[in-house]
Amino acid sequence: MPKSRMRKKEKDFVPEAVAHAAPTPTESPKWLAPAMVAAFIAGLIWIVIFYVSATAYPIPGIGAWNMLAGFGFVGVGFGLATRWR
């Protein structure tokens, strides 16, 4: 039986915009890691002070909203962690 012909493969098309795209930065800014760790620690300390002081501190007038403030700091830390390379 005769062998069938091989088809030529077409080369993948790469758009001009993608071929000459700007390179992505390979390193994080130097301030990112300290800011991330500081936000995590600030949130942790805020929540611990809230529990240890029987919900009276760090800001006495807002009550349980202190938990939201503490988790806000932790959330900022996680937001910065997503940008870390």
PDB file of N, CA and C in Angstrom:
ATOM      1  N   MET A   1       0.844  -1.166   0.000  1.00  0.00           N
ATOM      2  CA  MET A   1       0.000   0.000   0.000  1.00  0.00           C
ATOM      3  C   MET A   1       0.897   1.238   0.000  1.00  0.00           C
ATOM      4  N   PRO A   2       0.606   2.228  -0.828  1.00  0.00           N
ATOM      5  CA  PRO A   2       1.437   3.422  -0.890  1.00  0.00           C
ATOM      6  C   PRO A   2       1.249   4.297   0.360  1.00  0.00           C
ATOM      7  N   LYS A   3       2.323   4.985   0.706  1.00  0.00           N
ATOM      8  CA  LYS A   3       2.300   5.857   1.871  1.00  0.00           C
ATOM      9  C   LYS A   3       1.605   7.171   1.510  1.00  0.00           C
ATOM     10  N   SER A   4       0.738   7.647   2.411  1.00  0.00           N
ATOM     11  CA  SER A   4       0.019   8.897   2.139  1.00  0.00           C
ATOM     12  C   SER A   4       0.964  10.087   2.292  1.00  0.00           C
ATOM     13  N   ARG A   5       0.615  11.163   1.626  1.00  0.00           N
ATOM     14  CA  ARG A   5       1.442  12.358   1.678  1.00  0.00           C
ATOM     15  C   ARG A   5       1.308  13.053   3.029  1.00  0.00           C
ATOM     16  N   MET A   6       2.400  13.630   3.470  1.00  0.00           N
ATOM     17  CA  MET A   6       2.396  14.390   4.718  1.00  0.00           C
ATOM     18  C   MET A   6       1.964  15.818   4.415  1.00  0.00           C
ATOM     19  N   ARG A   7       1.083  16.347   5.243  1.00  0.00           N
ATOM     20  CA  ARG A   7       0.667  17.739   5.067  1.00  0.00           C
ATOM     21  C   ARG A   7       1.668  18.664   5.721  1.00  0.00           C
ATOM     22  N   LYS A   8       1.856  19.814   5.131  1.00  0.00           N
ATOM     23  CA  LYS A   8       2.728  20.813   5.735  1.00  0.00           C
ATOM     24  C   LYS A   8       1.958  21.525   6.835  1.00  0.00           C
ATOM     25  N   LYS A   9       2.597  21.665   7.982  1.00  0.00           N
ATOM     26  CA  LYS A   9       1.955  22.354   9.089  1.00  0.00           C
ATOM     27  C   LYS A   9       2.098  23.865   8.906  1.00  0.00           C
ATOM     28  N   GLU A  10       1.008  24.569   9.183  1.00  0.00           N
ATOM     29  CA  GLU A  10       1.060  26.019   9.104  1.00  0.00           C
ATOM     30  C   GLU A  10       1.693  26.569  10.372  1.00  0.00           C
ATOM     31  N   LYS A  11       2.476  27.619  10.216  1.00  0.00           N
ATOM     32  CA  LYS A  11       3.091  28.241  11.375  1.00  0.00           C
ATOM     33  C   LYS A  11       2.035  29.035  12.129  1.00  0.00           C
ATOM     34  N   ASP A  12       2.163  29.057  13.457  1.00  0.00           N
ATOM     35  CA  ASP A  12       1.230  29.824  14.283  1.00  0.00           C
ATOM     36  C   ASP A  12       1.394  31.306  13.995  1.00  0.00           C
ATOM     37  N   PHE A  13       0.272  31.992  13.921  1.00  0.00           N
ATOM     38  CA  PHE A  13       0.280  33.427  13.684  1.00  0.00           C
ATOM     39  C   PHE A  13       0.441  34.148  15.016  1.00  0.00           C
ATOM     40  N   VAL A  14       1.437  35.005  15.113  1.00  0.00           N
ATOM     41  CA  VAL A  14       1.674  35.814  16.306  1.00  0.00           C
ATOM     42  C   VAL A  14       1.414  37.265  15.935  1.00  0.00           C
ATOM     43  N   PRO A  15       0.400  37.881  16.550  1.00  0.00           N
ATOM     44  CA  PRO A  15       0.116  39.287  16.209  1.00  0.00           C
ATOM     45  C   PRO A  15       1.308  40.183  16.512  1.00  0.00           C
ATOM     46  N   GLU A  16       1.410  41.265  15.768  1.00  0.00           N
ATOM     47  CA  GLU A  16       2.529  42.186  15.906  1.00  0.00           C
ATOM     48  C   GLU A  16       2.579  42.801  17.301  1.00  0.00           C
ATOM     49  N   ALA A  17       1.411  43.089  17.874  1.00  0.00           N
ATOM     50  CA  ALA A  17       1.372  43.708  19.204  1.00  0.00           C
ATOM     51  C   ALA A  17       1.919  42.760  20.273  1.00  0.00           C
ATOM     52  N   VAL A  18       1.672  41.488  20.112  1.00  0.00           N
ATOM     53  CA  VAL A  18       2.150  40.507  21.090  1.00  0.00           C
ATOM     54  C   VAL A  18       3.632  40.225  20.885  1.00  0.00           C
ATOM     55  N   ALA A  19       4.063  40.213  19.650  1.00  0.00           N
ATOM     56  CA  ALA A  19       5.460  39.904  19.364  1.00  0.00           C
ATOM     57  C   ALA A  19       6.401  40.956  19.922  1.00  0.00           C
ATOM     58  N   HIS A  20       5.946  42.203  19.994  1.00  0.00           N
ATOM     59  CA  HIS A  20       6.790  43.291  20.473  1.00  0.00           C
ATOM     60  C   HIS A  20       6.255  43.898  21.764  1.00  0.00           C
ATOM     61  N   ALA A  21       5.617  43.087  22.588  1.00  0.00           N
ATOM     62  CA  ALA A  21       5.050  43.590  23.840  1.00  0.00           C
ATOM     63  C   ALA A  21       6.169  43.962  24.811  1.00  0.00           C
ATOM     64  N   ALA A  22       5.862  44.900  25.683  1.00  0.00           N
ATOM     65  CA  ALA A  22       6.849  45.335  26.678  1.00  0.00           C
ATOM     66  C   ALA A  22       7.098  44.202  27.677  1.00  0.00           C
ATOM     67  N   PRO A  23       8.325  43.998  28.087  1.00  0.00           N
ATOM     68  CA  PRO A  23       8.605  42.928  29.050  1.00  0.00           C
ATOM     69  C   PRO A  23       8.019  43.259  30.421  1.00  0.00           C
ATOM     70  N   THR A  24       7.592  42.228  31.119  1.00  0.00           N
ATOM     71  CA  THR A  24       7.044  42.432  32.450  1.00  0.00           C
ATOM     72  C   THR A  24       8.188  42.604  33.446  1.00  0.00           C
ATOM     73  N   PRO A  25       7.976  43.388  34.483  1.00  0.00           N
ATOM     74  CA  PRO A  25       9.044  43.547  35.480  1.00  0.00           C
ATOM     75  C   PRO A  25       9.338  42.218  36.176  1.00  0.00           C
ATOM     76  N   THR A  26      10.597  41.964  36.411  1.00  0.00           N
ATOM     77  CA  THR A  26      10.984  40.679  36.986  1.00  0.00           C
ATOM     78  C   THR A  26      11.167  40.740  38.491  1.00  0.00           C
ATOM     79  N   GLU A  27      11.144  41.927  39.065  1.00  0.00           N
ATOM     80  CA  GLU A  27      11.408  42.053  40.483  1.00  0.00           C
ATOM     81  C   GLU A  27      10.397  42.996  41.118  1.00  0.00           C
ATOM     82  N   SER A  28      10.045  42.722  42.357  1.00  0.00           N
ATOM     83  CA  SER A  28       9.122  43.578  43.090  1.00  0.00           C
ATOM     84  C   SER A  28       9.828  44.842  43.543  1.00  0.00           C
ATOM     85  N   PRO A  29       9.051  45.906  43.768  1.00  0.00           N
ATOM     86  CA  PRO A  29       9.669  47.096  44.356  1.00  0.00           C
ATOM     87  C   PRO A  29      10.186  46.786  45.758  1.00  0.00           C
ATOM     88  N   LYS A  30      11.187  47.493  46.180  1.00  0.00           N
ATOM     89  CA  LYS A  30      11.823  47.196  47.466  1.00  0.00           C
ATOM     90  C   LYS A  30      10.911  47.498  48.646  1.00  0.00           C
ATOM     91  N   TRP A  31       9.929  48.364  48.500  1.00  0.00           N
ATOM     92  CA  TRP A  31       9.048  48.733  49.595  1.00  0.00           C
ATOM     93  C   TRP A  31       7.922  47.729  49.794  1.00  0.00           C
ATOM     94  N   LEU A  32       7.690  46.845  48.823  1.00  0.00           N
ATOM     95  CA  LEU A  32       6.506  45.981  48.858  1.00  0.00           C
ATOM     96  C   LEU A  32       6.541  44.977  49.998  1.00  0.00           C
ATOM     97  N   ALA A  33       7.617  44.248  50.160  1.00  0.00           N
ATOM     98  CA  ALA A  33       7.678  43.216  51.200  1.00  0.00           C
ATOM     99  C   ALA A  33       7.583  43.813  52.603  1.00  0.00           C
ATOM    100  N   PRO A  34       8.321  44.890  52.930  1.00  0.00           N
ATOM    101  CA  PRO A  34       8.144  45.461  54.273  1.00  0.00           C
ATOM    102  C   PRO A  34       6.737  46.005  54.515  1.00  0.00           C
ATOM    103  N   ALA A  35       6.127  46.602  53.495  1.00  0.00           N
ATOM    104  CA  ALA A  35       4.766  47.118  53.658  1.00  0.00           C
ATOM    105  C   ALA A  35       3.773  45.980  53.863  1.00  0.00           C
ATOM    106  N   MET A  36       3.961  44.875  53.143  1.00  0.00           N
ATOM    107  CA  MET A  36       3.080  43.720  53.276  1.00  0.00           C
ATOM    108  C   MET A  36       3.184  43.130  54.678  1.00  0.00           C
ATOM    109  N   VAL A  37       4.399  42.908  55.140  1.00  0.00           N
ATOM    110  CA  VAL A  37       4.597  42.336  56.476  1.00  0.00           C
ATOM    111  C   VAL A  37       4.077  43.287  57.547  1.00  0.00           C
ATOM    112  N   ALA A  38       4.289  44.578  57.370  1.00  0.00           N
ATOM    113  CA  ALA A  38       3.800  45.557  58.342  1.00  0.00           C
ATOM    114  C   ALA A  38       2.279  45.551  58.407  1.00  0.00           C
ATOM    115  N   ALA A  39       1.611  45.422  57.271  1.00  0.00           N
ATOM    116  CA  ALA A  39       0.147  45.377  57.268  1.00  0.00           C
ATOM    117  C   ALA A  39      -0.358  44.119  57.962  1.00  0.00           C
ATOM    118  N   PHE A  40       0.273  42.979  57.710  1.00  0.00           N
ATOM    119  CA  PHE A  40      -0.118  41.745  58.399  1.00  0.00           C
ATOM    120  C   PHE A  40       0.057  41.874  59.907  1.00  0.00           C
ATOM    121  N   ILE A  41       1.198  42.378  60.321  1.00  0.00           N
ATOM    122  CA  ILE A  41       1.485  42.489  61.755  1.00  0.00           C
ATOM    123  C   ILE A  41       0.569  43.521  62.407  1.00  0.00           C
ATOM    124  N   ALA A  42       0.317  44.641  61.739  1.00  0.00           N
ATOM    125  CA  ALA A  42      -0.568  45.665  62.298  1.00  0.00           C
ATOM    126  C   ALA A  42      -1.978  45.108  62.482  1.00  0.00           C
ATOM    127  N   GLY A  43      -2.470  44.361  61.512  1.00  0.00           N
ATOM    128  CA  GLY A  43      -3.794  43.746  61.640  1.00  0.00           C
ATOM    129  C   GLY A  43      -3.844  42.730  62.755  1.00  0.00           C
ATOM    130  N   LEU A  44      -2.806  41.928  62.873  1.00  0.00           N
ATOM    131  CA  LEU A  44      -2.763  40.919  63.938  1.00  0.00           C
ATOM    132  C   LEU A  44      -2.729  41.581  65.309  1.00  0.00           C
ATOM    133  N   ILE A  45      -1.886  42.588  65.464  1.00  0.00           N
ATOM    134  CA  ILE A  45      -1.791  43.289  66.752  1.00  0.00           C
ATOM    135  C   ILE A  45      -3.109  43.987  67.073  1.00  0.00           C
ATOM    136  N   TRP A  46      -3.745  44.586  66.076  1.00  0.00           N
ATOM    137  CA  TRP A  46      -5.020  45.273  66.282  1.00  0.00           C
ATOM    138  C   TRP A  46      -6.068  44.299  66.821  1.00  0.00           C
ATOM    139  N   ILE A  47      -6.164  43.121  66.214  1.00  0.00           N
ATOM    140  CA  ILE A  47      -7.158  42.126  66.636  1.00  0.00           C
ATOM    141  C   ILE A  47      -6.823  41.577  68.013  1.00  0.00           C
ATOM    142  N   VAL A  48      -5.554  41.321  68.288  1.00  0.00           N
ATOM    143  CA  VAL A  48      -5.155  40.802  69.605  1.00  0.00           C
ATOM    144  C   VAL A  48      -5.461  41.825  70.692  1.00  0.00           C
ATOM    145  N   ILE A  49      -5.157  43.101  70.457  1.00  0.00           N
ATOM    146  CA  ILE A  49      -5.468  44.137  71.447  1.00  0.00           C
ATOM    147  C   ILE A  49      -6.973  44.216  71.670  1.00  0.00           C
ATOM    148  N   PHE A  50      -7.745  44.071  70.623  1.00  0.00           N
ATOM    149  CA  PHE A  50      -9.205  44.100  70.745  1.00  0.00           C
ATOM    150  C   PHE A  50      -9.707  42.991  71.658  1.00  0.00           C
ATOM    151  N   TYR A  51      -9.166  41.783  71.496  1.00  0.00           N
ATOM    152  CA  TYR A  51      -9.603  40.665  72.340  1.00  0.00           C
ATOM    153  C   TYR A  51      -9.065  40.757  73.758  1.00  0.00           C
ATOM    154  N   VAL A  52      -7.810  41.136  73.913  1.00  0.00           N
ATOM    155  CA  VAL A  52      -7.196  41.182  75.245  1.00  0.00           C
ATOM    156  C   VAL A  52      -7.837  42.272  76.103  1.00  0.00           C
ATOM    157  N   SER A  53      -8.223  43.381  75.488  1.00  0.00           N
ATOM    158  CA  SER A  53      -8.803  44.489  76.251  1.00  0.00           C
ATOM    159  C   SER A  53     -10.307  44.315  76.468  1.00  0.00           C
ATOM    160  N   ALA A  54     -10.843  43.144  76.203  1.00  0.00           N
ATOM    161  CA  ALA A  54     -12.282  42.864  76.364  1.00  0.00           C
ATOM    162  C   ALA A  54     -13.111  43.836  75.530  1.00  0.00           C
ATOM    163  N   THR A  55     -12.754  44.004  74.303  1.00  0.00           N
ATOM    164  CA  THR A  55     -13.423  44.823  73.276  1.00  0.00           C
ATOM    165  C   THR A  55     -13.459  46.316  73.598  1.00  0.00           C
ATOM    166  N   ALA A  56     -12.558  46.812  74.431  1.00  0.00           N
ATOM    167  CA  ALA A  56     -12.541  48.232  74.771  1.00  0.00           C
ATOM    168  C   ALA A  56     -11.577  49.033  73.907  1.00  0.00           C
ATOM    169  N   TYR A  57     -10.502  48.447  73.443  1.00  0.00           N
ATOM    170  CA  TYR A  57      -9.487  49.157  72.659  1.00  0.00           C
ATOM    171  C   TYR A  57      -9.306  48.456  71.332  1.00  0.00           C
ATOM    172  N   PRO A  58      -8.601  48.952  70.371  1.00  0.00           N
ATOM    173  CA  PRO A  58      -7.755  50.108  70.198  1.00  0.00           C
ATOM    174  C   PRO A  58      -8.530  51.417  70.039  1.00  0.00           C
ATOM    175  N   ILE A  59      -9.717  51.405  69.472  1.00  0.00           N
ATOM    176  CA  ILE A  59     -10.518  52.631  69.404  1.00  0.00           C
ATOM    177  C   ILE A  59     -11.774  52.372  70.233  1.00  0.00           C
ATOM    178  N   PRO A  60     -11.896  52.992  71.404  1.00  0.00           N
ATOM    179  CA  PRO A  60     -12.991  52.650  72.315  1.00  0.00           C
ATOM    180  C   PRO A  60     -14.383  52.942  71.761  1.00  0.00           C
ATOM    181  N   GLY A  61     -14.545  53.957  70.971  1.00  0.00           N
ATOM    182  CA  GLY A  61     -15.879  54.377  70.559  1.00  0.00           C
ATOM    183  C   GLY A  61     -16.537  53.534  69.488  1.00  0.00           C
ATOM    184  N   ILE A  62     -15.805  52.691  68.771  1.00  0.00           N
ATOM    185  CA  ILE A  62     -16.417  52.002  67.631  1.00  0.00           C
ATOM    186  C   ILE A  62     -16.782  50.551  67.926  1.00  0.00           C
ATOM    187  N   GLY A  63     -16.436  50.039  69.091  1.00  0.00           N
ATOM    188  CA  GLY A  63     -16.866  48.697  69.502  1.00  0.00           C
ATOM    189  C   GLY A  63     -16.343  47.600  68.593  1.00  0.00           C
ATOM    190  N   ALA A  64     -17.284  46.794  68.110  1.00  0.00           N
ATOM    191  CA  ALA A  64     -16.918  45.612  67.322  1.00  0.00           C
ATOM    192  C   ALA A  64     -16.372  45.969  65.937  1.00  0.00           C
ATOM    193  N   TRP A  65     -16.498  47.206  65.515  1.00  0.00           N
ATOM    194  CA  TRP A  65     -15.928  47.618  64.232  1.00  0.00           C
ATOM    195  C   TRP A  65     -14.405  47.560  64.257  1.00  0.00           C
ATOM    196  N   ASN A  66     -13.841  47.438  65.461  1.00  0.00           N
ATOM    197  CA  ASN A  66     -12.393  47.259  65.562  1.00  0.00           C
ATOM    198  C   ASN A  66     -11.951  45.972  64.858  1.00  0.00           C
ATOM    199  N   MET A  67     -12.806  44.959  64.879  1.00  0.00           N
ATOM    200  CA  MET A  67     -12.471  43.709  64.167  1.00  0.00           C
ATOM    201  C   MET A  67     -12.357  43.975  62.669  1.00  0.00           C
ATOM    202  N   LEU A  68     -13.275  44.764  62.145  1.00  0.00           N
ATOM    203  CA  LEU A  68     -13.226  45.082  60.719  1.00  0.00           C
ATOM    204  C   LEU A  68     -11.959  45.863  60.382  1.00  0.00           C
ATOM    205  N   ALA A  69     -11.574  46.770  61.269  1.00  0.00           N
ATOM    206  CA  ALA A  69     -10.341  47.528  61.036  1.00  0.00           C
ATOM    207  C   ALA A  69      -9.134  46.593  61.026  1.00  0.00           C
ATOM    208  N   GLY A  70      -9.070  45.652  61.963  1.00  0.00           N
ATOM    209  CA  GLY A  70      -7.963  44.696  62.004  1.00  0.00           C
ATOM    210  C   GLY A  70      -7.913  43.824  60.769  1.00  0.00           C
ATOM    211  N   PHE A  71      -9.084  43.318  60.364  1.00  0.00           N
ATOM    212  CA  PHE A  71      -9.113  42.498  59.156  1.00  0.00           C
ATOM    213  C   PHE A  71      -8.882  43.340  57.905  1.00  0.00           C
ATOM    214  N   GLY A  72      -9.154  44.630  57.983  1.00  0.00           N
ATOM    215  CA  GLY A  72      -8.823  45.517  56.866  1.00  0.00           C
ATOM    216  C   GLY A  72      -7.320  45.587  56.652  1.00  0.00           C
ATOM    217  N   PHE A  73      -6.565  45.698  57.754  1.00  0.00           N
ATOM    218  CA  PHE A  73      -5.108  45.684  57.631  1.00  0.00           C
ATOM    219  C   PHE A  73      -4.621  44.360  57.046  1.00  0.00           C
ATOM    220  N   VAL A  74      -5.198  43.261  57.508  1.00  0.00           N
ATOM    221  CA  VAL A  74      -4.803  41.945  56.984  1.00  0.00           C
ATOM    222  C   VAL A  74      -5.156  41.849  55.498  1.00  0.00           C
ATOM    223  N   GLY A  75      -6.310  42.381  55.116  1.00  0.00           N
ATOM    224  CA  GLY A  75      -6.705  42.377  53.704  1.00  0.00           C
ATOM    225  C   GLY A  75      -5.755  43.177  52.835  1.00  0.00           C
ATOM    226  N   VAL A  76      -5.301  44.310  53.356  1.00  0.00           N
ATOM    227  CA  VAL A  76      -4.301  45.101  52.620  1.00  0.00           C
ATOM    228  C   VAL A  76      -3.015  44.295  52.457  1.00  0.00           C
ATOM    229  N   GLY A  77      -2.635  43.552  53.503  1.00  0.00           N
ATOM    230  CA  GLY A  77      -1.451  42.705  53.417  1.00  0.00           C
ATOM    231  C   GLY A  77      -1.599  41.644  52.331  1.00  0.00           C
ATOM    232  N   PHE A  78      -2.777  41.027  52.261  1.00  0.00           N
ATOM    233  CA  PHE A  78      -3.006  40.027  51.208  1.00  0.00           C
ATOM    234  C   PHE A  78      -3.029  40.675  49.831  1.00  0.00           C
ATOM    235  N   GLY A  79      -3.582  41.864  49.741  1.00  0.00           N
ATOM    236  CA  GLY A  79      -3.574  42.572  48.453  1.00  0.00           C
ATOM    237  C   GLY A  79      -2.159  42.866  47.973  1.00  0.00           C
ATOM    238  N   LEU A  80      -1.299  43.260  48.903  1.00  0.00           N
ATOM    239  CA  LEU A  80       0.094  43.494  48.531  1.00  0.00           C
ATOM    240  C   LEU A  80       0.816  42.184  48.207  1.00  0.00           C
ATOM    241  N   ALA A  81       0.423  41.108  48.885  1.00  0.00           N
ATOM    242  CA  ALA A  81       1.063  39.813  48.638  1.00  0.00           C
ATOM    243  C   ALA A  81       0.804  39.311  47.222  1.00  0.00           C
ATOM    244  N   THR A  82      -0.323  39.708  46.628  1.00  0.00           N
ATOM    245  CA  THR A  82      -0.603  39.257  45.258  1.00  0.00           C
ATOM    246  C   THR A  82       0.313  39.933  44.246  1.00  0.00           C
ATOM    247  N   ARG A  83       0.920  41.054  44.597  1.00  0.00           N
ATOM    248  CA  ARG A  83       1.809  41.765  43.684  1.00  0.00           C
ATOM    249  C   ARG A  83       3.282  41.409  43.878  1.00  0.00           C
ATOM    250  N   TRP A  84       3.563  40.552  44.841  1.00  0.00           N
ATOM    251  CA  TRP A  84       4.940  40.190  45.156  1.00  0.00           C
ATOM    252  C   TRP A  84       5.447  39.165  44.162  1.00  0.00           C
ATOM    253  N   ARG A  85       6.660  39.394  43.630  1.00  0.00           N
ATOM    254  CA  ARG A  85       7.250  38.435  42.685  1.00  0.00           C
ATOM    255  C   ARG A  85       8.503  37.867  43.275  1.00  0.00           C
TER     256      ARG A  85
END
